[in-house]
Amino acid sequence: MSTEPTPPPGILPAPTGPYRVGLTRELVPGTETCLHVWAPLQSTASGTPAPYLPAAEAAVIQKRYLGDIPVAALTDVESHCLGDVAVADHLAACPTLLSLPGAVGHPASSHSVATDLASHGFAVIGLSAAGDSVVSPGPGRKVVEGRRRRRIDPDDEARMLAERVERWVARCRGVLDSLSRGGPDVVRAVVDPARVGVFGYSLGGAAARSLCAADRRLKAGMNLDGSYYSRTPGEPVHVPFLQLEHEIDPSTLTPRQLALHRELDGAAWEGFRVPAHRMTLEGVSHLSFSDFTLFREDHDPRPPPEVSAVRCSEIVSEAARLFFGVHVAGNAG
């Protein structure tokens, strides 16, 4: 893995590939789903700097999850992406990756990984949806804020999270169906429907595994530190799969929580029918896999993980490039 110096907290790591990256959003007609598209651009492309988060969405995420972090930290940080780019200025027919978010439900949590992948020639399509995202773009430049969720019994929580996973899977399958019919303009331009994979963070990682089991159009999947929520293996997974995870400290869980985690994790791994791999990253936490942590590290009173969120993002980006480069783009291993 790369040992290049990393930027300080609060700064998004720059992409490492040869392409500049465009970032656009398109609502799927007739649905509550918004597609956040990171895509490589032609060398002659022009546009305006795209925000990491538009102000209205940043305000909701800041209020609900980031506490003392100023909204300007989310709106003014350099995203390393261009917006307002003409459709014709995007590269065409790119290997494509769906990006599924965690409990916050916003794909900006994996912006750095998506941007880096796009700079290496992938089209990355992140999903948000009014029903399961803390905030999501809606019609007419409005945003839709999700409802707050109360804490519940661990078994009931696992059931409810499993239901959320299935909703994300259904949305993804709807997006894949729309690709076969053309889809929105930028999506239609950049996607190669014959080369599609999926990755997700946290809850989105569990959804990535379920999507690979449910839909044979996926070539490979990747879970970024996501737990599983089903007591049965479900449909088998027949495509290459990689899981990156932090090392769980059993002392942070109650005996009941630990037993449930082991039961659900074991059931999920029983369902793989081709070699699947898991890598445990030492010195990171679950939140290290989210870009939102980049903005929290300077403000969090708790001792930081040994490995910064910036460095974790770089490790994940490199692993994703190598894994999806072989199994989705078709590069030589």
C-alpha atoms as a PDB file:
ATOM      1  CA  MET A   1       0.000   0.000   0.000  1.00  0.00           C
ATOM      2  CA  SER A   2       1.051   3.626  -0.583  1.00  0.00           C
ATOM      3  CA  THR A   3       3.089   5.418   2.115  1.00  0.00           C
ATOM      4  CA  GLU A   4       2.646   8.953   0.754  1.00  0.00           C
ATOM      5  CA  PRO A   5       2.091  11.750   3.315  1.00  0.00           C
ATOM      6  CA  THR A   6      -1.558  12.297   4.162  1.00  0.00           C
ATOM      7  CA  PRO A   7      -3.440  15.590   4.574  1.00  0.00           C
ATOM      8  CA  PRO A   8      -4.580  16.763   8.009  1.00  0.00           C
ATOM      9  CA  PRO A   9      -8.115  16.051   9.329  1.00  0.00           C
ATOM     10  CA  GLY A  10     -10.880  18.044   7.662  1.00  0.00           C
ATOM     11  CA  ILE A  11      -9.269  17.889   4.217  1.00  0.00           C
ATOM     12  CA  LEU A  12     -10.462  15.330   1.690  1.00  0.00           C
ATOM     13  CA  PRO A  13      -7.573  13.335   0.204  1.00  0.00           C
ATOM     14  CA  ALA A  14      -6.890  14.137  -3.442  1.00  0.00           C
ATOM     15  CA  PRO A  15      -7.613  11.442  -6.038  1.00  0.00           C
ATOM     16  CA  THR A  16      -4.601   9.551  -7.344  1.00  0.00           C
ATOM     17  CA  GLY A  17      -5.645   8.727 -10.911  1.00  0.00           C
ATOM     18  CA  PRO A  18      -5.009  10.461 -14.239  1.00  0.00           C
ATOM     19  CA  TYR A  19      -8.580  11.659 -14.862  1.00  0.00           C
ATOM     20  CA  ARG A  20     -10.367  14.700 -13.534  1.00  0.00           C
ATOM     21  CA  VAL A  21     -13.698  13.828 -11.958  1.00  0.00           C
ATOM     22  CA  GLY A  22     -17.189  15.152 -12.538  1.00  0.00           C
ATOM     23  CA  LEU A  23     -19.865  15.005  -9.837  1.00  0.00           C
ATOM     24  CA  THR A  24     -23.537  15.309 -10.665  1.00  0.00           C
ATOM     25  CA  ARG A  25     -26.902  14.270  -9.218  1.00  0.00           C
ATOM     26  CA  GLU A  26     -29.911  12.953 -11.047  1.00  0.00           C
ATOM     27  CA  LEU A  27     -33.287  11.875  -9.672  1.00  0.00           C
ATOM     28  CA  VAL A  28     -34.610   8.586 -10.979  1.00  0.00           C
ATOM     29  CA  PRO A  29     -37.963   9.544 -12.556  1.00  0.00           C
ATOM     30  CA  GLY A  30     -40.978   8.366 -10.619  1.00  0.00           C
ATOM     31  CA  THR A  31     -38.979   7.344  -7.518  1.00  0.00           C
ATOM     32  CA  GLU A  32     -37.543   8.833  -4.314  1.00  0.00           C
ATOM     33  CA  THR A  33     -34.038   7.724  -5.338  1.00  0.00           C
ATOM     34  CA  CYS A  34     -31.296  10.201  -6.218  1.00  0.00           C
ATOM     35  CA  LEU A  35     -28.169   9.087  -8.065  1.00  0.00           C
ATOM     36  CA  HIS A  36     -24.910  10.816  -7.097  1.00  0.00           C
ATOM     37  CA  VAL A  37     -22.549  10.194 -10.011  1.00  0.00           C
ATOM     38  CA  TRP A  38     -18.764  10.443  -9.870  1.00  0.00           C
ATOM     39  CA  ALA A  39     -17.333   9.939 -13.357  1.00  0.00           C
ATOM     40  CA  PRO A  40     -14.054  10.448 -15.242  1.00  0.00           C
ATOM     41  CA  LEU A  41     -13.900  13.377 -17.638  1.00  0.00           C
ATOM     42  CA  GLN A  42     -12.385  14.047 -21.012  1.00  0.00           C
ATOM     43  CA  SER A  43      -9.162  16.078 -20.849  1.00  0.00           C
ATOM     44  CA  THR A  44     -10.949  19.020 -22.506  1.00  0.00           C
ATOM     45  CA  ALA A  45     -13.876  19.069 -20.040  1.00  0.00           C
ATOM     46  CA  SER A  46     -14.739  22.277 -18.218  1.00  0.00           C
ATOM     47  CA  GLY A  47     -17.024  23.014 -15.283  1.00  0.00           C
ATOM     48  CA  THR A  48     -17.254  24.698 -11.913  1.00  0.00           C
ATOM     49  CA  PRO A  49     -15.958  23.327  -8.590  1.00  0.00           C
ATOM     50  CA  ALA A  50     -18.565  20.972  -7.154  1.00  0.00           C
ATOM     51  CA  PRO A  51     -19.289  21.185  -3.416  1.00  0.00           C
ATOM     52  CA  TYR A  52     -18.640  18.175  -1.229  1.00  0.00           C
ATOM     53  CA  LEU A  53     -22.139  18.786   0.137  1.00  0.00           C
ATOM     54  CA  PRO A  54     -24.671  21.443  -0.911  1.00  0.00           C
ATOM     55  CA  ALA A  55     -25.503  23.822   1.939  1.00  0.00           C
ATOM     56  CA  ALA A  56     -29.002  22.483   2.679  1.00  0.00           C
ATOM     57  CA  GLU A  57     -27.818  18.869   2.938  1.00  0.00           C
ATOM     58  CA  ALA A  58     -24.721  19.858   4.912  1.00  0.00           C
ATOM     59  CA  ALA A  59     -26.871  21.687   7.465  1.00  0.00           C
ATOM     60  CA  VAL A  60     -28.976  18.594   8.154  1.00  0.00           C
ATOM     61  CA  ILE A  61     -25.992  16.244   8.427  1.00  0.00           C
ATOM     62  CA  GLN A  62     -24.155  18.703  10.660  1.00  0.00           C
ATOM     63  CA  LYS A  63     -27.172  19.112  12.945  1.00  0.00           C
ATOM     64  CA  ARG A  64     -27.918  15.407  13.200  1.00  0.00           C
ATOM     65  CA  TYR A  65     -24.431  13.871  13.291  1.00  0.00           C
ATOM     66  CA  LEU A  66     -21.501  16.269  13.464  1.00  0.00           C
ATOM     67  CA  GLY A  67     -22.293  18.478  16.453  1.00  0.00           C
ATOM     68  CA  ASP A  68     -19.768  21.308  16.798  1.00  0.00           C
ATOM     69  CA  ILE A  69     -18.420  21.031  13.260  1.00  0.00           C
ATOM     70  CA  PRO A  70     -19.355  24.216  11.346  1.00  0.00           C
ATOM     71  CA  VAL A  71     -21.508  23.738   8.268  1.00  0.00           C
ATOM     72  CA  ALA A  72     -18.896  25.665   6.260  1.00  0.00           C
ATOM     73  CA  ALA A  73     -16.416  22.844   6.871  1.00  0.00           C
ATOM     74  CA  LEU A  74     -18.661  20.608   4.752  1.00  0.00           C
ATOM     75  CA  THR A  75     -19.570  23.126   2.061  1.00  0.00           C
ATOM     76  CA  ASP A  76     -16.210  24.845   1.584  1.00  0.00           C
ATOM     77  CA  VAL A  77     -13.813  21.889   1.645  1.00  0.00           C
ATOM     78  CA  GLU A  78     -12.282  21.089  -1.742  1.00  0.00           C
ATOM     79  CA  SER A  79     -14.151  18.148  -3.237  1.00  0.00           C
ATOM     80  CA  HIS A  80     -11.646  17.537  -6.072  1.00  0.00           C
ATOM     81  CA  CYS A  81     -14.634  17.333  -8.441  1.00  0.00           C
ATOM     82  CA  LEU A  82     -16.177  19.503 -11.143  1.00  0.00           C
ATOM     83  CA  GLY A  83     -19.894  20.185 -11.491  1.00  0.00           C
ATOM     84  CA  ASP A  84     -21.958  21.545 -14.381  1.00  0.00           C
ATOM     85  CA  VAL A  85     -20.028  19.423 -16.868  1.00  0.00           C
ATOM     86  CA  ALA A  86     -21.573  18.730 -20.270  1.00  0.00           C
ATOM     87  CA  VAL A  87     -22.672  15.145 -20.818  1.00  0.00           C
ATOM     88  CA  ALA A  88     -20.400  14.871 -23.861  1.00  0.00           C
ATOM     89  CA  ASP A  89     -17.358  15.755 -21.744  1.00  0.00           C
ATOM     90  CA  HIS A  90     -17.610  12.539 -19.715  1.00  0.00           C
ATOM     91  CA  LEU A  91     -15.803   9.340 -20.646  1.00  0.00           C
ATOM     92  CA  ALA A  92     -18.202   6.791 -22.090  1.00  0.00           C
ATOM     93  CA  ALA A  93     -18.996   3.198 -21.127  1.00  0.00           C
ATOM     94  CA  CYS A  94     -16.903   3.042 -17.942  1.00  0.00           C
ATOM     95  CA  PRO A  95     -16.746   0.083 -15.579  1.00  0.00           C
ATOM     96  CA  THR A  96     -19.409   0.980 -13.050  1.00  0.00           C
ATOM     97  CA  LEU A  97     -19.716   0.659  -9.284  1.00  0.00           C
ATOM     98  CA  LEU A  98     -22.806   1.237  -7.169  1.00  0.00           C
ATOM     99  CA  SER A  99     -22.027   2.855  -3.796  1.00  0.00           C
ATOM    100  CA  LEU A 100     -24.392   2.176  -0.899  1.00  0.00           C
ATOM    101  CA  PRO A 101     -24.339   4.353   2.236  1.00  0.00           C
ATOM    102  CA  GLY A 102     -24.386   3.511   5.921  1.00  0.00           C
ATOM    103  CA  ALA A 103     -27.048   4.393   8.453  1.00  0.00           C
ATOM    104  CA  VAL A 104     -26.804   8.107   7.627  1.00  0.00           C
ATOM    105  CA  GLY A 105     -27.952   7.129   4.160  1.00  0.00           C
ATOM    106  CA  HIS A 106     -25.864   9.673   2.233  1.00  0.00           C
ATOM    107  CA  PRO A 107     -23.174   8.635  -0.285  1.00  0.00           C
ATOM    108  CA  ALA A 108     -20.972  11.601   0.709  1.00  0.00           C
ATOM    109  CA  SER A 109     -19.722   9.280   3.462  1.00  0.00           C
ATOM    110  CA  SER A 110     -17.711   7.480   0.728  1.00  0.00           C
ATOM    111  CA  HIS A 111     -16.903  10.543  -1.399  1.00  0.00           C
ATOM    112  CA  SER A 112     -13.113  10.114  -1.216  1.00  0.00           C
ATOM    113  CA  VAL A 113     -13.206   6.483  -2.306  1.00  0.00           C
ATOM    114  CA  ALA A 114     -15.683   7.292  -5.096  1.00  0.00           C
ATOM    115  CA  THR A 115     -13.609  10.226  -6.327  1.00  0.00           C
ATOM    116  CA  ASP A 116     -10.423   8.192  -6.371  1.00  0.00           C
ATOM    117  CA  LEU A 117     -12.085   5.333  -8.257  1.00  0.00           C
ATOM    118  CA  ALA A 118     -13.491   7.779 -10.818  1.00  0.00           C
ATOM    119  CA  SER A 119     -10.043   9.300 -11.307  1.00  0.00           C
ATOM    120  CA  HIS A 120      -8.919   5.814 -12.369  1.00  0.00           C
ATOM    121  CA  GLY A 121     -11.672   5.412 -14.955  1.00  0.00           C
ATOM    122  CA  PHE A 122     -14.637   4.006 -12.994  1.00  0.00           C
ATOM    123  CA  ALA A 123     -18.109   5.504 -12.937  1.00  0.00           C
ATOM    124  CA  VAL A 124     -19.406   5.425  -9.355  1.00  0.00           C
ATOM    125  CA  ILE A 125     -23.126   5.793  -8.678  1.00  0.00           C
ATOM    126  CA  GLY A 126     -24.048   6.538  -5.067  1.00  0.00           C
ATOM    127  CA  LEU A 127     -27.644   6.263  -3.929  1.00  0.00           C
ATOM    128  CA  SER A 128     -29.710   8.278  -1.494  1.00  0.00           C
ATOM    129  CA  ALA A 129     -33.445   8.004  -0.928  1.00  0.00           C
ATOM    130  CA  ALA A 130     -35.937  10.003   1.095  1.00  0.00           C
ATOM    131  CA  GLY A 131     -37.200   6.912   2.867  1.00  0.00           C
ATOM    132  CA  ASP A 132     -33.864   5.772   4.288  1.00  0.00           C
ATOM    133  CA  SER A 133     -31.471   8.744   4.159  1.00  0.00           C
ATOM    134  CA  VAL A 134     -31.030  11.440   6.795  1.00  0.00           C
ATOM    135  CA  VAL A 135     -31.315  13.877   3.893  1.00  0.00           C
ATOM    136  CA  SER A 136     -31.654  13.421   0.147  1.00  0.00           C
ATOM    137  CA  PRO A 137     -32.151  15.723  -2.850  1.00  0.00           C
ATOM    138  CA  GLY A 138     -35.740  15.968  -3.978  1.00  0.00           C
ATOM    139  CA  PRO A 139     -37.584  17.488  -6.924  1.00  0.00           C
ATOM    140  CA  GLY A 140     -37.085  21.163  -7.667  1.00  0.00           C
ATOM    141  CA  ARG A 141     -33.767  21.501  -5.804  1.00  0.00           C
ATOM    142  CA  LYS A 142     -35.496  20.789  -2.510  1.00  0.00           C
ATOM    143  CA  VAL A 143     -34.111  18.397   0.086  1.00  0.00           C
ATOM    144  CA  VAL A 144     -36.069  15.801   2.029  1.00  0.00           C
ATOM    145  CA  GLU A 145     -35.019  15.211   5.642  1.00  0.00           C
ATOM    146  CA  GLY A 146     -35.436  11.701   7.024  1.00  0.00           C
ATOM    147  CA  ARG A 147     -37.132  10.941  10.308  1.00  0.00           C
ATOM    148  CA  ARG A 148     -35.153  10.281  13.471  1.00  0.00           C
ATOM    149  CA  ARG A 149     -34.938   6.697  14.665  1.00  0.00           C
ATOM    150  CA  ARG A 150     -35.256   5.680  18.286  1.00  0.00           C
ATOM    151  CA  ARG A 151     -33.078   3.097  20.029  1.00  0.00           C
ATOM    152  CA  ILE A 152     -34.728  -0.311  20.317  1.00  0.00           C
ATOM    153  CA  ASP A 153     -34.010  -3.862  21.483  1.00  0.00           C
ATOM    154  CA  PRO A 154     -30.981  -5.409  19.652  1.00  0.00           C
ATOM    155  CA  ASP A 155     -33.072  -8.196  18.089  1.00  0.00           C
ATOM    156  CA  ASP A 156     -35.707  -5.736  16.860  1.00  0.00           C
ATOM    157  CA  GLU A 157     -32.965  -3.445  15.603  1.00  0.00           C
ATOM    158  CA  ALA A 158     -31.408  -6.281  13.575  1.00  0.00           C
ATOM    159  CA  ARG A 159     -34.811  -6.998  12.033  1.00  0.00           C
ATOM    160  CA  MET A 160     -35.408  -3.344  11.141  1.00  0.00           C
ATOM    161  CA  LEU A 161     -31.923  -2.985   9.682  1.00  0.00           C
ATOM    162  CA  ALA A 162     -32.474  -6.139   7.618  1.00  0.00           C
ATOM    163  CA  GLU A 163     -35.595  -4.497   6.217  1.00  0.00           C
ATOM    164  CA  ARG A 164     -33.579  -1.379   5.329  1.00  0.00           C
ATOM    165  CA  VAL A 165     -31.013  -3.586   3.579  1.00  0.00           C
ATOM    166  CA  GLU A 166     -33.760  -5.120   1.459  1.00  0.00           C
ATOM    167  CA  ARG A 167     -35.076  -1.683   0.512  1.00  0.00           C
ATOM    168  CA  TRP A 168     -31.610  -0.628  -0.691  1.00  0.00           C
ATOM    169  CA  VAL A 169     -31.323  -3.869  -2.661  1.00  0.00           C
ATOM    170  CA  ALA A 170     -34.681  -3.203  -4.321  1.00  0.00           C
ATOM    171  CA  ARG A 171     -33.622   0.348  -5.212  1.00  0.00           C
ATOM    172  CA  CYS A 172     -30.358  -0.894  -6.710  1.00  0.00           C
ATOM    173  CA  ARG A 173     -32.145  -3.472  -8.808  1.00  0.00           C
ATOM    174  CA  GLY A 174     -34.470  -0.735 -10.032  1.00  0.00           C
ATOM    175  CA  VAL A 175     -31.441   1.361 -10.984  1.00  0.00           C
ATOM    176  CA  LEU A 176     -29.904  -1.594 -12.838  1.00  0.00           C
ATOM    177  CA  ASP A 177     -33.202  -2.093 -14.673  1.00  0.00           C
ATOM    178  CA  SER A 178     -33.221   1.581 -15.650  1.00  0.00           C
ATOM    179  CA  LEU A 179     -29.693   1.273 -17.027  1.00  0.00           C
ATOM    180  CA  SER A 180     -30.896  -1.361 -19.468  1.00  0.00           C
ATOM    181  CA  ARG A 181     -33.479   1.185 -20.672  1.00  0.00           C
ATOM    182  CA  GLY A 182     -30.975   4.042 -20.927  1.00  0.00           C
ATOM    183  CA  GLY A 183     -31.387   5.864 -17.603  1.00  0.00           C
ATOM    184  CA  PRO A 184     -30.771   9.574 -16.908  1.00  0.00           C
ATOM    185  CA  ASP A 185     -28.470  11.448 -19.309  1.00  0.00           C
ATOM    186  CA  VAL A 186     -25.126  11.392 -17.493  1.00  0.00           C
ATOM    187  CA  VAL A 187     -25.712   7.866 -16.213  1.00  0.00           C
ATOM    188  CA  ARG A 188     -26.560   6.637 -19.700  1.00  0.00           C
ATOM    189  CA  ALA A 189     -23.353   8.222 -21.013  1.00  0.00           C
ATOM    190  CA  VAL A 190     -20.867   6.868 -18.481  1.00  0.00           C
ATOM    191  CA  VAL A 191     -22.170   3.433 -17.481  1.00  0.00           C
ATOM    192  CA  ASP A 192     -21.209   0.107 -18.992  1.00  0.00           C
ATOM    193  CA  PRO A 193     -24.131  -2.173 -17.981  1.00  0.00           C
ATOM    194  CA  ALA A 194     -22.018  -5.258 -18.703  1.00  0.00           C
ATOM    195  CA  ARG A 195     -19.396  -4.283 -16.103  1.00  0.00           C
ATOM    196  CA  VAL A 196     -21.050  -3.446 -12.802  1.00  0.00           C
ATOM    197  CA  GLY A 197     -19.973  -4.019  -9.207  1.00  0.00           C
ATOM    198  CA  VAL A 198     -21.063  -2.707  -5.821  1.00  0.00           C
ATOM    199  CA  PHE A 199     -19.516  -1.533  -2.572  1.00  0.00           C
ATOM    200  CA  GLY A 200     -21.039  -0.137   0.587  1.00  0.00           C
ATOM    201  CA  TYR A 201     -20.148   1.203   4.002  1.00  0.00           C
ATOM    202  CA  SER A 202     -21.662  -0.195   7.206  1.00  0.00           C
ATOM    203  CA  LEU A 203     -25.333  -0.963   6.488  1.00  0.00           C
ATOM    204  CA  GLY A 204     -24.499  -0.402   2.821  1.00  0.00           C
ATOM    205  CA  GLY A 205     -21.859  -3.132   3.035  1.00  0.00           C
ATOM    206  CA  ALA A 206     -24.495  -5.623   4.174  1.00  0.00           C
ATOM    207  CA  ALA A 207     -26.689  -4.431   1.307  1.00  0.00           C
ATOM    208  CA  ALA A 208     -23.803  -4.950  -1.142  1.00  0.00           C
ATOM    209  CA  ARG A 209     -23.579  -8.612  -0.131  1.00  0.00           C
ATOM    210  CA  SER A 210     -27.362  -9.061  -0.432  1.00  0.00           C
ATOM    211  CA  LEU A 211     -27.384  -7.380  -3.844  1.00  0.00           C
ATOM    212  CA  CYS A 212     -24.646  -9.684  -5.122  1.00  0.00           C
ATOM    213  CA  ALA A 213     -26.750 -12.652  -3.970  1.00  0.00           C
ATOM    214  CA  ALA A 214     -29.962 -11.321  -5.490  1.00  0.00           C
ATOM    215  CA  ASP A 215     -28.779 -10.067  -8.871  1.00  0.00           C
ATOM    216  CA  ARG A 216     -26.455 -11.900 -11.241  1.00  0.00           C
ATOM    217  CA  ARG A 217     -25.701  -8.674 -13.135  1.00  0.00           C
ATOM    218  CA  LEU A 218     -23.152  -7.803 -10.441  1.00  0.00           C
ATOM    219  CA  LYS A 219     -19.577  -8.894 -11.180  1.00  0.00           C
ATOM    220  CA  ALA A 220     -18.129  -8.346  -7.687  1.00  0.00           C
ATOM    221  CA  GLY A 221     -18.919  -6.796  -4.317  1.00  0.00           C
ATOM    222  CA  MET A 222     -17.132  -5.127  -1.414  1.00  0.00           C
ATOM    223  CA  ASN A 223     -18.245  -4.565   2.182  1.00  0.00           C
ATOM    224  CA  LEU A 224     -16.623  -1.693   4.100  1.00  0.00           C
ATOM    225  CA  ASP A 225     -17.006  -2.689   7.745  1.00  0.00           C
ATOM    226  CA  GLY A 226     -20.660  -3.614   7.571  1.00  0.00           C
ATOM    227  CA  SER A 227     -22.332  -6.037   9.986  1.00  0.00           C
ATOM    228  CA  TYR A 228     -24.998  -8.476   8.810  1.00  0.00           C
ATOM    229  CA  TYR A 229     -28.600  -8.715   9.951  1.00  0.00           C
ATOM    230  CA  SER A 230     -30.038 -12.033   8.801  1.00  0.00           C
ATOM    231  CA  ARG A 231     -29.954 -15.273  10.804  1.00  0.00           C
ATOM    232  CA  THR A 232     -29.924 -17.382   7.627  1.00  0.00           C
ATOM    233  CA  PRO A 233     -27.409 -17.362   4.751  1.00  0.00           C
ATOM    234  CA  GLY A 234     -30.150 -16.432   2.286  1.00  0.00           C
ATOM    235  CA  GLU A 235     -29.403 -16.558  -1.421  1.00  0.00           C
ATOM    236  CA  PRO A 236     -25.840 -17.706  -2.165  1.00  0.00           C
ATOM    237  CA  VAL A 237     -23.218 -15.298  -3.484  1.00  0.00           C
ATOM    238  CA  HIS A 238     -21.503 -16.494  -6.676  1.00  0.00           C
ATOM    239  CA  VAL A 239     -19.221 -13.533  -7.415  1.00  0.00           C
ATOM    240  CA  PRO A 240     -15.893 -12.395  -5.904  1.00  0.00           C
ATOM    241  CA  PHE A 241     -16.372 -10.520  -2.640  1.00  0.00           C
ATOM    242  CA  LEU A 242     -14.025  -8.562  -0.388  1.00  0.00           C
ATOM    243  CA  GLN A 243     -14.724  -7.378   3.149  1.00  0.00           C
ATOM    244  CA  LEU A 244     -12.587  -4.762   4.913  1.00  0.00           C
ATOM    245  CA  GLU A 245     -13.251  -4.410   8.620  1.00  0.00           C
ATOM    246  CA  HIS A 246     -11.963  -3.053  11.894  1.00  0.00           C
ATOM    247  CA  GLU A 247     -10.992  -5.363  14.732  1.00  0.00           C
ATOM    248  CA  ILE A 248     -13.917  -5.667  17.145  1.00  0.00           C
ATOM    249  CA  ASP A 249     -13.108  -5.297  20.830  1.00  0.00           C
ATOM    250  CA  PRO A 250     -15.429  -7.781  22.608  1.00  0.00           C
ATOM    251  CA  SER A 251     -15.295  -5.688  25.781  1.00  0.00           C
ATOM    252  CA  THR A 252     -17.280  -2.928  24.019  1.00  0.00           C
ATOM    253  CA  LEU A 253     -20.272  -5.241  23.482  1.00  0.00           C
ATOM    254  CA  THR A 254     -22.634  -6.892  25.909  1.00  0.00           C
ATOM    255  CA  PRO A 255     -22.582 -10.717  25.862  1.00  0.00           C
ATOM    256  CA  ARG A 256     -25.929 -10.670  24.079  1.00  0.00           C
ATOM    257  CA  GLN A 257     -24.685  -8.232  21.422  1.00  0.00           C
ATOM    258  CA  LEU A 258     -21.498 -10.232  20.869  1.00  0.00           C
ATOM    259  CA  ALA A 259     -23.386 -13.518  20.518  1.00  0.00           C
ATOM    260  CA  LEU A 260     -25.823 -11.957  18.044  1.00  0.00           C
ATOM    261  CA  HIS A 261     -22.993 -10.434  16.010  1.00  0.00           C
ATOM    262  CA  ARG A 262     -21.211 -13.777  15.746  1.00  0.00           C
ATOM    263  CA  GLU A 263     -24.416 -15.589  14.789  1.00  0.00           C
ATOM    264  CA  LEU A 264     -25.327 -13.122  12.028  1.00  0.00           C
ATOM    265  CA  ASP A 265     -21.762 -12.875  10.706  1.00  0.00           C
ATOM    266  CA  GLY A 266     -21.456 -16.650  10.550  1.00  0.00           C
ATOM    267  CA  ALA A 267     -24.726 -16.984   8.651  1.00  0.00           C
ATOM    268  CA  ALA A 268     -23.626 -14.434   6.058  1.00  0.00           C
ATOM    269  CA  TRP A 269     -20.295 -16.110   5.423  1.00  0.00           C
ATOM    270  CA  GLU A 270     -21.929 -19.508   4.973  1.00  0.00           C
ATOM    271  CA  GLY A 271     -23.561 -18.129   1.841  1.00  0.00           C
ATOM    272  CA  PHE A 272     -20.457 -17.521  -0.291  1.00  0.00           C
ATOM    273  CA  ARG A 273     -20.026 -20.007  -3.148  1.00  0.00           C
ATOM    274  CA  VAL A 274     -16.773 -18.591  -4.563  1.00  0.00           C
ATOM    275  CA  PRO A 275     -13.681 -17.491  -2.636  1.00  0.00           C
ATOM    276  CA  ALA A 276     -14.508 -14.451  -0.514  1.00  0.00           C
ATOM    277  CA  HIS A 277     -11.887 -12.555   1.426  1.00  0.00           C
ATOM    278  CA  ARG A 278     -11.899 -10.456   4.578  1.00  0.00           C
ATOM    279  CA  MET A 279      -9.135  -8.109   5.669  1.00  0.00           C
ATOM    280  CA  THR A 280      -8.952  -6.729   9.194  1.00  0.00           C
ATOM    281  CA  LEU A 281      -7.342  -3.292   9.384  1.00  0.00           C
ATOM    282  CA  GLU A 282      -5.500  -2.725  12.627  1.00  0.00           C
ATOM    283  CA  GLY A 283      -5.651   0.625  14.401  1.00  0.00           C
ATOM    284  CA  VAL A 284      -8.963   1.809  12.907  1.00  0.00           C
ATOM    285  CA  SER A 285     -12.532   2.068  14.154  1.00  0.00           C
ATOM    286  CA  HIS A 286     -15.849   1.570  12.392  1.00  0.00           C
ATOM    287  CA  LEU A 287     -16.158   5.325  11.816  1.00  0.00           C
ATOM    288  CA  SER A 288     -12.707   5.435  10.191  1.00  0.00           C
ATOM    289  CA  PHE A 289     -14.352   4.116   7.022  1.00  0.00           C
ATOM    290  CA  SER A 290     -16.592   7.211   6.686  1.00  0.00           C
ATOM    291  CA  ASP A 291     -15.504  10.565   5.261  1.00  0.00           C
ATOM    292  CA  PHE A 292     -17.634  12.307   7.882  1.00  0.00           C
ATOM    293  CA  THR A 293     -15.000  11.285  10.425  1.00  0.00           C
ATOM    294  CA  LEU A 294     -12.448  13.426   8.574  1.00  0.00           C
ATOM    295  CA  PHE A 295     -14.302  16.452   9.923  1.00  0.00           C
ATOM    296  CA  ARG A 296     -14.746  15.096  13.449  1.00  0.00           C
ATOM    297  CA  GLU A 297     -11.245  14.014  14.436  1.00  0.00           C
ATOM    298  CA  ASP A 298     -10.122  17.482  15.550  1.00  0.00           C
ATOM    299  CA  HIS A 299     -13.305  17.945  17.611  1.00  0.00           C
ATOM    300  CA  ASP A 300     -13.752  14.492  19.177  1.00  0.00           C
ATOM    301  CA  PRO A 301     -12.752  14.347  22.882  1.00  0.00           C
ATOM    302  CA  ARG A 302     -12.145  10.603  22.682  1.00  0.00           C
ATOM    303  CA  PRO A 303      -8.640   9.302  21.881  1.00  0.00           C
ATOM    304  CA  PRO A 304      -8.341   8.992  18.094  1.00  0.00           C
ATOM    305  CA  PRO A 305      -7.676   5.622  16.441  1.00  0.00           C
ATOM    306  CA  GLU A 306      -4.052   4.794  15.778  1.00  0.00           C
ATOM    307  CA  VAL A 307      -4.678   5.111  12.025  1.00  0.00           C
ATOM    308  CA  SER A 308      -6.357   8.334  10.887  1.00  0.00           C
ATOM    309  CA  ALA A 309      -9.546   8.370   8.841  1.00  0.00           C
ATOM    310  CA  VAL A 310      -7.555   9.943   6.005  1.00  0.00           C
ATOM    311  CA  ARG A 311      -5.125   7.045   5.939  1.00  0.00           C
ATOM    312  CA  CYS A 312      -7.957   4.532   6.221  1.00  0.00           C
ATOM    313  CA  SER A 313      -9.609   6.165   3.193  1.00  0.00           C
ATOM    314  CA  GLU A 314      -6.391   5.813   1.207  1.00  0.00           C
ATOM    315  CA  ILE A 315      -6.067   2.125   2.126  1.00  0.00           C
ATOM    316  CA  VAL A 316      -9.696   1.444   1.163  1.00  0.00           C
ATOM    317  CA  SER A 317      -9.318   3.332  -2.122  1.00  0.00           C
ATOM    318  CA  GLU A 318      -6.260   1.345  -3.111  1.00  0.00           C
ATOM    319  CA  ALA A 319      -7.861  -1.972  -2.182  1.00  0.00           C
ATOM    320  CA  ALA A 320     -11.004  -1.068  -4.161  1.00  0.00           C
ATOM    321  CA  ARG A 321      -8.988  -0.036  -7.234  1.00  0.00           C
ATOM    322  CA  LEU A 322      -7.095  -3.322  -7.255  1.00  0.00           C
ATOM    323  CA  PHE A 323     -10.076  -5.557  -6.489  1.00  0.00           C
ATOM    324  CA  PHE A 324     -12.578  -3.963  -8.857  1.00  0.00           C
ATOM    325  CA  GLY A 325      -9.870  -3.393 -11.468  1.00  0.00           C
ATOM    326  CA  VAL A 326      -9.568  -7.165 -11.816  1.00  0.00           C
ATOM    327  CA  HIS A 327     -13.135  -8.317 -11.223  1.00  0.00           C
ATOM    328  CA  VAL A 328     -15.171  -5.501 -12.828  1.00  0.00           C
ATOM    329  CA  ALA A 329     -12.905  -3.557 -15.211  1.00  0.00           C
ATOM    330  CA  GLY A 330     -11.209  -6.742 -16.400  1.00  0.00           C
ATOM    331  CA  ASN A 331      -7.639  -5.648 -15.808  1.00  0.00           C
ATOM    332  CA  ALA A 332      -4.941  -8.278 -15.506  1.00  0.00           C
ATOM    333  CA  GLY A 333      -4.425  -9.390 -11.913  1.00  0.00           C
END
